[in-house]
PDB file of N, CA and C in Angstrom:
ATOM      1  N   MET A   1       6.491  28.247  16.444  1.00  0.00           N
ATOM      2  CA  MET A   1       7.756  28.107  17.126  1.00  0.00           C
ATOM      3  C   MET A   1       8.675  29.255  16.738  1.00  0.00           C
ATOM      4  N   GLY A   2       8.674  29.642  15.513  1.00  0.00           N
ATOM      5  CA  GLY A   2       9.409  30.803  15.095  1.00  0.00           C
ATOM      6  C   GLY A   2      10.850  30.522  14.706  1.00  0.00           C
ATOM      7  N   LEU A   3      11.581  31.600  14.541  1.00  0.00           N
ATOM      8  CA  LEU A   3      12.955  31.542  14.055  1.00  0.00           C
ATOM      9  C   LEU A   3      13.890  30.834  15.032  1.00  0.00           C
ATOM     10  N   ILE A   4      13.769  31.111  16.309  1.00  0.00           N
ATOM     11  CA  ILE A   4      14.645  30.482  17.306  1.00  0.00           C
ATOM     12  C   ILE A   4      14.437  28.970  17.327  1.00  0.00           C
ATOM     13  N   GLY A   5      13.207  28.556  17.278  1.00  0.00           N
ATOM     14  CA  GLY A   5      12.918  27.128  17.254  1.00  0.00           C
ATOM     15  C   GLY A   5      13.500  26.456  16.023  1.00  0.00           C
ATOM     16  N   GLU A   6      13.374  27.119  14.874  1.00  0.00           N
ATOM     17  CA  GLU A   6      13.937  26.557  13.643  1.00  0.00           C
ATOM     18  C   GLU A   6      15.453  26.445  13.733  1.00  0.00           C
ATOM     19  N   VAL A   7      16.103  27.446  14.311  1.00  0.00           N
ATOM     20  CA  VAL A   7      17.560  27.416  14.462  1.00  0.00           C
ATOM     21  C   VAL A   7      17.968  26.292  15.410  1.00  0.00           C
ATOM     22  N   LEU A   8      17.233  26.123  16.496  1.00  0.00           N
ATOM     23  CA  LEU A   8      17.557  25.063  17.443  1.00  0.00           C
ATOM     24  C   LEU A   8      17.331  23.670  16.854  1.00  0.00           C
ATOM     25  N   LEU A   9      16.341  23.545  15.981  1.00  0.00           N
ATOM     26  CA  LEU A   9      16.044  22.247  15.374  1.00  0.00           C
ATOM     27  C   LEU A   9      16.848  21.981  14.101  1.00  0.00           C
ATOM     28  N   LEU A  10      17.653  22.948  13.671  1.00  0.00           N
ATOM     29  CA  LEU A  10      18.425  22.791  12.441  1.00  0.00           C
ATOM     30  C   LEU A  10      19.311  21.549  12.429  1.00  0.00           C
ATOM     31  N   PRO A  11      19.970  21.197  13.533  1.00  0.00           N
ATOM     32  CA  PRO A  11      20.789  19.970  13.497  1.00  0.00           C
ATOM     33  C   PRO A  11      19.973  18.702  13.217  1.00  0.00           C
ATOM     34  N   PHE A  12      18.674  18.752  13.460  1.00  0.00           N
ATOM     35  CA  PHE A  12      17.821  17.591  13.236  1.00  0.00           C
ATOM     36  C   PHE A  12      17.197  17.578  11.843  1.00  0.00           C
ATOM     37  N   ALA A  13      17.542  18.528  11.007  1.00  0.00           N
ATOM     38  CA  ALA A  13      16.971  18.609   9.661  1.00  0.00           C
ATOM     39  C   ALA A  13      17.185  17.330   8.849  1.00  0.00           C
ATOM     40  N   PRO A  14      18.368  16.726   8.870  1.00  0.00           N
ATOM     41  CA  PRO A  14      18.524  15.481   8.103  1.00  0.00           C
ATOM     42  C   PRO A  14      17.601  14.368   8.595  1.00  0.00           C
ATOM     43  N   VAL A  15      17.388  14.296   9.895  1.00  0.00           N
ATOM     44  CA  VAL A  15      16.494  13.277  10.450  1.00  0.00           C
ATOM     45  C   VAL A  15      15.057  13.555  10.014  1.00  0.00           C
ATOM     46  N   ARG A  16      14.651  14.797  10.097  1.00  0.00           N
ATOM     47  CA  ARG A  16      13.295  15.165   9.685  1.00  0.00           C
ATOM     48  C   ARG A  16      13.108  14.915   8.197  1.00  0.00           C
ATOM     49  N   GLY A  17      14.121  15.228   7.407  1.00  0.00           N
ATOM     50  CA  GLY A  17      14.056  14.978   5.973  1.00  0.00           C
ATOM     51  C   GLY A  17      13.971  13.494   5.671  1.00  0.00           C
ATOM     52  N   SER A  18      14.750  12.703   6.382  1.00  0.00           N
ATOM     53  CA  SER A  18      14.712  11.249   6.182  1.00  0.00           C
ATOM     54  C   SER A  18      13.351  10.683   6.568  1.00  0.00           C
ATOM     55  N   ALA A  19      12.795  11.166   7.648  1.00  0.00           N
ATOM     56  CA  ALA A  19      11.471  10.697   8.082  1.00  0.00           C
ATOM     57  C   ALA A  19      10.421  11.035   7.029  1.00  0.00           C
ATOM     58  N   TRP A  20      10.534  12.215   6.436  1.00  0.00           N
ATOM     59  CA  TRP A  20       9.581  12.606   5.395  1.00  0.00           C
ATOM     60  C   TRP A  20       9.703  11.673   4.193  1.00  0.00           C
ATOM     61  N   VAL A  21      10.935  11.399   3.774  1.00  0.00           N
ATOM     62  CA  VAL A  21      11.163  10.519   2.621  1.00  0.00           C
ATOM     63  C   VAL A  21      10.628   9.113   2.913  1.00  0.00           C
ATOM     64  N   ILE A  22      10.894   8.587   4.091  1.00  0.00           N
ATOM     65  CA  ILE A  22      10.399   7.257   4.467  1.00  0.00           C
ATOM     66  C   ILE A  22       8.879   7.241   4.441  1.00  0.00           C
ATOM     67  N   GLY A  23       8.260   8.288   4.940  1.00  0.00           N
ATOM     68  CA  GLY A  23       6.799   8.383   4.915  1.00  0.00           C
ATOM     69  C   GLY A  23       6.258   8.378   3.493  1.00  0.00           C
ATOM     70  N   GLN A  24       6.922   9.104   2.594  1.00  0.00           N
ATOM     71  CA  GLN A  24       6.494   9.139   1.201  1.00  0.00           C
ATOM     72  C   GLN A  24       6.629   7.768   0.542  1.00  0.00           C
ATOM     73  N   VAL A  25       7.742   7.085   0.815  1.00  0.00           N
ATOM     74  CA  VAL A  25       7.963   5.754   0.244  1.00  0.00           C
ATOM     75  C   VAL A  25       6.909   4.772   0.761  1.00  0.00           C
ATOM     76  N   LEU A  26       6.605   4.829   2.051  1.00  0.00           N
ATOM     77  CA  LEU A  26       5.581   3.945   2.615  1.00  0.00           C
ATOM     78  C   LEU A  26       4.203   4.201   2.009  1.00  0.00           C
ATOM     79  N   ARG A  27       3.850   5.466   1.827  1.00  0.00           N
ATOM     80  CA  ARG A  27       2.556   5.796   1.227  1.00  0.00           C
ATOM     81  C   ARG A  27       2.465   5.271  -0.203  1.00  0.00           C
ATOM     82  N   GLU A  28       3.548   5.422  -0.963  1.00  0.00           N
ATOM     83  CA  GLU A  28       3.547   4.939  -2.343  1.00  0.00           C
ATOM     84  C   GLU A  28       3.479   3.413  -2.391  1.00  0.00           C
ATOM     85  N   ALA A  29       4.200   2.760  -1.499  1.00  0.00           N
ATOM     86  CA  ALA A  29       4.156   1.293  -1.444  1.00  0.00           C
ATOM     87  C   ALA A  29       2.753   0.810  -1.106  1.00  0.00           C
ATOM     88  N   GLU A  30       2.092   1.462  -0.159  1.00  0.00           N
ATOM     89  CA  GLU A  30       0.716   1.093   0.184  1.00  0.00           C
ATOM     90  C   GLU A  30      -0.233   1.362  -0.974  1.00  0.00           C
ATOM     91  N   ARG A  31      -0.020   2.467  -1.680  1.00  0.00           N
ATOM     92  CA  ARG A  31      -0.877   2.784  -2.821  1.00  0.00           C
ATOM     93  C   ARG A  31      -0.771   1.688  -3.876  1.00  0.00           C
ATOM     94  N   ILE A  32       0.437   1.261  -4.172  1.00  0.00           N
ATOM     95  CA  ILE A  32       0.635   0.197  -5.163  1.00  0.00           C
ATOM     96  C   ILE A  32       0.072  -1.122  -4.651  1.00  0.00           C
ATOM     97  N   TYR A  33       0.322  -1.438  -3.393  1.00  0.00           N
ATOM     98  CA  TYR A  33      -0.124  -2.704  -2.809  1.00  0.00           C
ATOM     99  C   TYR A  33      -1.637  -2.842  -2.858  1.00  0.00           C
ATOM    100  N   TYR A  34      -2.354  -1.753  -2.587  1.00  0.00           N
ATOM    101  CA  TYR A  34      -3.817  -1.795  -2.547  1.00  0.00           C
ATOM    102  C   TYR A  34      -4.474  -1.358  -3.860  1.00  0.00           C
ATOM    103  N   ASP A  35      -3.679  -1.020  -4.870  1.00  0.00           N
ATOM    104  CA  ASP A  35      -4.220  -0.572  -6.143  1.00  0.00           C
ATOM    105  C   ASP A  35      -5.064  -1.687  -6.768  1.00  0.00           C
ATOM    106  N   PRO A  36      -6.310  -1.394  -7.131  1.00  0.00           N
ATOM    107  CA  PRO A  36      -7.178  -2.434  -7.699  1.00  0.00           C
ATOM    108  C   PRO A  36      -6.583  -3.106  -8.934  1.00  0.00           C
ATOM    109  N   ALA A  37      -5.902  -2.367  -9.773  1.00  0.00           N
ATOM    110  CA  ALA A  37      -5.307  -2.962 -10.976  1.00  0.00           C
ATOM    111  C   ALA A  37      -4.222  -3.964 -10.604  1.00  0.00           C
ATOM    112  N   THR A  38      -3.433  -3.646  -9.594  1.00  0.00           N
ATOM    113  CA  THR A  38      -2.382  -4.555  -9.130  1.00  0.00           C
ATOM    114  C   THR A  38      -2.998  -5.829  -8.570  1.00  0.00           C
ATOM    115  N   VAL A  39      -4.035  -5.676  -7.762  1.00  0.00           N
ATOM    116  CA  VAL A  39      -4.679  -6.840  -7.152  1.00  0.00           C
ATOM    117  C   VAL A  39      -5.331  -7.704  -8.227  1.00  0.00           C
ATOM    118  N   ARG A  40      -5.981  -7.068  -9.205  1.00  0.00           N
ATOM    119  CA  ARG A  40      -6.610  -7.841 -10.284  1.00  0.00           C
ATOM    120  C   ARG A  40      -5.567  -8.611 -11.093  1.00  0.00           C
ATOM    121  N   ALA A  41      -4.428  -7.994 -11.343  1.00  0.00           N
ATOM    122  CA  ALA A  41      -3.356  -8.678 -12.073  1.00  0.00           C
ATOM    123  C   ALA A  41      -2.846  -9.876 -11.275  1.00  0.00           C
ATOM    124  N   GLU A  42      -2.725  -9.706  -9.958  1.00  0.00           N
ATOM    125  CA  GLU A  42      -2.289 -10.820  -9.119  1.00  0.00           C
ATOM    126  C   GLU A  42      -3.334 -11.936  -9.084  1.00  0.00           C
ATOM    127  N   LEU A  43      -4.615 -11.566  -9.107  1.00  0.00           N
ATOM    128  CA  LEU A  43      -5.679 -12.575  -9.174  1.00  0.00           C
ATOM    129  C   LEU A  43      -5.587 -13.369 -10.483  1.00  0.00           C
ATOM    130  N   ALA A  44      -5.314 -12.676 -11.581  1.00  0.00           N
ATOM    131  CA  ALA A  44      -5.184 -13.348 -12.874  1.00  0.00           C
ATOM    132  C   ALA A  44      -3.990 -14.309 -12.862  1.00  0.00           C
ATOM    133  N   ARG A  45      -2.854 -13.858 -12.299  1.00  0.00           N
ATOM    134  CA  ARG A  45      -1.677 -14.732 -12.207  1.00  0.00           C
ATOM    135  C   ARG A  45      -1.969 -15.935 -11.321  1.00  0.00           C
ATOM    136  N   LEU A  46      -2.736 -15.714 -10.266  1.00  0.00           N
ATOM    137  CA  LEU A  46      -3.088 -16.805  -9.365  1.00  0.00           C
ATOM    138  C   LEU A  46      -3.932 -17.853 -10.090  1.00  0.00           C
ATOM    139  N   GLU A  47      -4.877 -17.380 -10.891  1.00  0.00           N
ATOM    140  CA  GLU A  47      -5.710 -18.315 -11.657  1.00  0.00           C
ATOM    141  C   GLU A  47      -4.866 -19.089 -12.679  1.00  0.00           C
ATOM    142  N   GLU A  48      -3.907 -18.396 -13.284  1.00  0.00           N
ATOM    143  CA  GLU A  48      -3.005 -19.078 -14.223  1.00  0.00           C
ATOM    144  C   GLU A  48      -2.207 -20.175 -13.519  1.00  0.00           C
ATOM    145  N   ARG A  49      -1.759 -19.884 -12.313  1.00  0.00           N
ATOM    146  CA  ARG A  49      -1.004 -20.882 -11.545  1.00  0.00           C
ATOM    147  C   ARG A  49      -1.867 -22.092 -11.221  1.00  0.00           C
ATOM    148  N   LEU A  50      -3.138 -21.849 -10.911  1.00  0.00           N
ATOM    149  CA  LEU A  50      -4.059 -22.953 -10.634  1.00  0.00           C
ATOM    150  C   LEU A  50      -4.251 -23.813 -11.883  1.00  0.00           C
ATOM    151  N   GLU A  51      -4.491 -23.153 -12.997  1.00  0.00           N
ATOM    152  CA  GLU A  51      -4.715 -23.882 -14.252  1.00  0.00           C
ATOM    153  C   GLU A  51      -3.468 -24.651 -14.695  1.00  0.00           C
ATOM    154  N   ALA A  52      -2.281 -24.118 -14.375  1.00  0.00           N
ATOM    155  CA  ALA A  52      -1.032 -24.786 -14.751  1.00  0.00           C
ATOM    156  C   ALA A  52      -0.683 -25.916 -13.783  1.00  0.00           C
ATOM    157  N   GLY A  53      -1.450 -26.028 -12.691  1.00  0.00           N
ATOM    158  CA  GLY A  53      -1.196 -27.085 -11.722  1.00  0.00           C
ATOM    159  C   GLY A  53      -0.087 -26.764 -10.738  1.00  0.00           C
ATOM    160  N   GLU A  54       0.327 -25.509 -10.687  1.00  0.00           N
ATOM    161  CA  GLU A  54       1.384 -25.105  -9.755  1.00  0.00           C
ATOM    162  C   GLU A  54       0.885 -25.064  -8.311  1.00  0.00           C
ATOM    163  N   ILE A  55      -0.396 -24.792  -8.134  1.00  0.00           N
ATOM    164  CA  ILE A  55      -1.002 -24.752  -6.802  1.00  0.00           C
ATOM    165  C   ILE A  55      -2.288 -25.566  -6.833  1.00  0.00           C
ATOM    166  N   ASP A  56      -2.707 -26.026  -5.664  1.00  0.00           N
ATOM    167  CA  ASP A  56      -3.954 -26.786  -5.598  1.00  0.00           C
ATOM    168  C   ASP A  56      -5.116 -25.847  -5.276  1.00  0.00           C
ATOM    169  N   GLU A  57      -6.296 -26.399  -5.296  1.00  0.00           N
ATOM    170  CA  GLU A  57      -7.519 -25.619  -5.079  1.00  0.00           C
ATOM    171  C   GLU A  57      -7.542 -24.958  -3.700  1.00  0.00           C
ATOM    172  N   GLU A  58      -7.061 -25.666  -2.699  1.00  0.00           N
ATOM    173  CA  GLU A  58      -7.056 -25.133  -1.330  1.00  0.00           C
ATOM    174  C   GLU A  58      -6.151 -23.900  -1.222  1.00  0.00           C
ATOM    175  N   GLU A  59      -4.956 -24.002  -1.779  1.00  0.00           N
ATOM    176  CA  GLU A  59      -4.038 -22.858  -1.737  1.00  0.00           C
ATOM    177  C   GLU A  59      -4.590 -21.706  -2.568  1.00  0.00           C
ATOM    178  N   PHE A  60      -5.193 -22.035  -3.701  1.00  0.00           N
ATOM    179  CA  PHE A  60      -5.814 -21.004  -4.535  1.00  0.00           C
ATOM    180  C   PHE A  60      -6.865 -20.239  -3.737  1.00  0.00           C
ATOM    181  N   ASP A  61      -7.750 -20.970  -3.058  1.00  0.00           N
ATOM    182  CA  ASP A  61      -8.808 -20.327  -2.270  1.00  0.00           C
ATOM    183  C   ASP A  61      -8.241 -19.430  -1.187  1.00  0.00           C
ATOM    184  N   ARG A  62      -7.211 -19.911  -0.508  1.00  0.00           N
ATOM    185  CA  ARG A  62      -6.591 -19.121   0.561  1.00  0.00           C
ATOM    186  C   ARG A  62      -5.986 -17.826   0.006  1.00  0.00           C
ATOM    187  N   LEU A  63      -5.218 -17.950  -1.075  1.00  0.00           N
ATOM    188  CA  LEU A  63      -4.563 -16.777  -1.659  1.00  0.00           C
ATOM    189  C   LEU A  63      -5.580 -15.830  -2.293  1.00  0.00           C
ATOM    190  N   GLU A  64      -6.615 -16.402  -2.886  1.00  0.00           N
ATOM    191  CA  GLU A  64      -7.662 -15.568  -3.477  1.00  0.00           C
ATOM    192  C   GLU A  64      -8.366 -14.752  -2.393  1.00  0.00           C
ATOM    193  N   ASP A  65      -8.657 -15.370  -1.255  1.00  0.00           N
ATOM    194  CA  ASP A  65      -9.281 -14.645  -0.139  1.00  0.00           C
ATOM    195  C   ASP A  65      -8.405 -13.493   0.332  1.00  0.00           C
ATOM    196  N   GLU A  66      -7.101 -13.729   0.423  1.00  0.00           N
ATOM    197  CA  GLU A  66      -6.179 -12.670   0.839  1.00  0.00           C
ATOM    198  C   GLU A  66      -6.208 -11.506  -0.152  1.00  0.00           C
ATOM    199  N   LEU A  67      -6.193 -11.831  -1.443  1.00  0.00           N
ATOM    200  CA  LEU A  67      -6.223 -10.780  -2.455  1.00  0.00           C
ATOM    201  C   LEU A  67      -7.546 -10.028  -2.446  1.00  0.00           C
ATOM    202  N   LEU A  68      -8.647 -10.735  -2.266  1.00  0.00           N
ATOM    203  CA  LEU A  68      -9.951 -10.062  -2.211  1.00  0.00           C
ATOM    204  C   LEU A  68     -10.070  -9.181  -0.973  1.00  0.00           C
ATOM    205  N   ASP A  69      -9.502  -9.618   0.140  1.00  0.00           N
ATOM    206  CA  ASP A  69      -9.472  -8.775   1.342  1.00  0.00           C
ATOM    207  C   ASP A  69      -8.671  -7.510   1.078  1.00  0.00           C
ATOM    208  N   ARG A  70      -7.548  -7.677   0.384  1.00  0.00           N
ATOM    209  CA  ARG A  70      -6.703  -6.536   0.041  1.00  0.00           C
ATOM    210  C   ARG A  70      -7.459  -5.570  -0.864  1.00  0.00           C
ATOM    211  N   LEU A  71      -8.192  -6.102  -1.813  1.00  0.00           N
ATOM    212  CA  LEU A  71      -8.976  -5.268  -2.723  1.00  0.00           C
ATOM    213  C   LEU A  71     -10.042  -4.497  -1.951  1.00  0.00           C
ATOM    214  N   GLU A  72     -10.706  -5.173  -1.028  1.00  0.00           N
ATOM    215  CA  GLU A  72     -11.738  -4.519  -0.220  1.00  0.00           C
ATOM    216  C   GLU A  72     -11.124  -3.438   0.673  1.00  0.00           C
ATOM    217  N   THR A  73     -10.006  -3.741   1.297  1.00  0.00           N
ATOM    218  CA  THR A  73      -9.340  -2.762   2.150  1.00  0.00           C
ATOM    219  C   THR A  73      -8.922  -1.541   1.343  1.00  0.00           C
ATOM    220  N   GLY A  74      -8.379  -1.782   0.163  1.00  0.00           N
ATOM    221  CA  GLY A  74      -7.977  -0.672  -0.697  1.00  0.00           C
ATOM    222  C   GLY A  74      -9.149   0.179  -1.124  1.00  0.00           C
ATOM    223  N   SER A  75     -10.273  -0.460  -1.404  1.00  0.00           N
ATOM    224  CA  SER A  75     -11.469   0.282  -1.804  1.00  0.00           C
ATOM    225  C   SER A  75     -11.974   1.152  -0.662  1.00  0.00           C
ATOM    226  N   ARG A  76     -11.981   0.576   0.550  1.00  0.00           N
ATOM    227  CA  ARG A  76     -12.446   1.353   1.714  1.00  0.00           C
ATOM    228  C   ARG A  76     -11.516   2.512   1.998  1.00  0.00           C
ATOM    229  N   SER A  77     -10.198   2.279   2.006  1.00  0.00           N
ATOM    230  CA  SER A  77      -9.267   3.357   2.341  1.00  0.00           C
ATOM    231  C   SER A  77      -9.242   4.393   1.229  1.00  0.00           C
ATOM    232  N   GLY A  78      -9.437   3.957  -0.019  1.00  0.00           N
ATOM    233  CA  GLY A  78      -9.509   4.913  -1.127  1.00  0.00           C
ATOM    234  C   GLY A  78     -10.731   5.802  -1.029  1.00  0.00           C
ATOM    235  N   ALA A  79     -11.837   5.213  -0.624  1.00  0.00           N
ATOM    236  CA  ALA A  79     -13.060   5.995  -0.452  1.00  0.00           C
ATOM    237  C   ALA A  79     -12.895   6.997   0.681  1.00  0.00           C
ATOM    238  N   LEU A  80     -12.259   6.564   1.757  1.00  0.00           N
ATOM    239  CA  LEU A  80     -12.026   7.481   2.877  1.00  0.00           C
ATOM    240  C   LEU A  80     -11.094   8.609   2.465  1.00  0.00           C
ATOM    241  N   THR A  81     -10.043   8.300   1.720  1.00  0.00           N
ATOM    242  CA  THR A  81      -9.096   9.318   1.270  1.00  0.00           C
ATOM    243  C   THR A  81      -9.779  10.294   0.326  1.00  0.00           C
ATOM    244  N   ASN A  82     -10.580   9.767  -0.604  1.00  0.00           N
ATOM    245  CA  ASN A  82     -11.274  10.641  -1.545  1.00  0.00           C
ATOM    246  C   ASN A  82     -12.284  11.523  -0.841  1.00  0.00           C
ATOM    247  N   ASP A  83     -12.981  10.998   0.162  1.00  0.00           N
ATOM    248  CA  ASP A  83     -13.934  11.808   0.928  1.00  0.00           C
ATOM    249  C   ASP A  83     -13.220  12.907   1.687  1.00  0.00           C
ATOM    250  N   TRP A  84     -12.062  12.583   2.239  1.00  0.00           N
ATOM    251  CA  TRP A  84     -11.307  13.540   3.020  1.00  0.00           C
ATOM    252  C   TRP A  84     -10.784  14.661   2.129  1.00  0.00           C
ATOM    253  N   MET A  85     -10.355  14.303   0.902  1.00  0.00           N
ATOM    254  CA  MET A  85      -9.756  15.291   0.019  1.00  0.00           C
ATOM    255  C   MET A  85     -10.812  16.169  -0.632  1.00  0.00           C
ATOM    256  N   SER A  86     -12.085  15.754  -0.667  1.00  0.00           N
ATOM    257  CA  SER A  86     -13.138  16.545  -1.316  1.00  0.00           C
ATOM    258  C   SER A  86     -13.516  17.749  -0.506  1.00  0.00           C
TER     259      SER A  86
END
């Protein structure tokens, strides 16, 4: 686009900067959400809740399935990201 294009788009710099920051925050949030260590810690807390009687077996199974799906999704997307970066 060159210099003229950059000058014409200069008024939109704050918007472009904000979009970049939002993108970075979303990527970091997804990284934490799908991080295997985070999911394992949540699984441990879930088991503690079951043992303490805070939740029943049915709710435990449902929440455990959600966490295991999250772990699997994170593993797949991590493998894809690592393959892409290699």
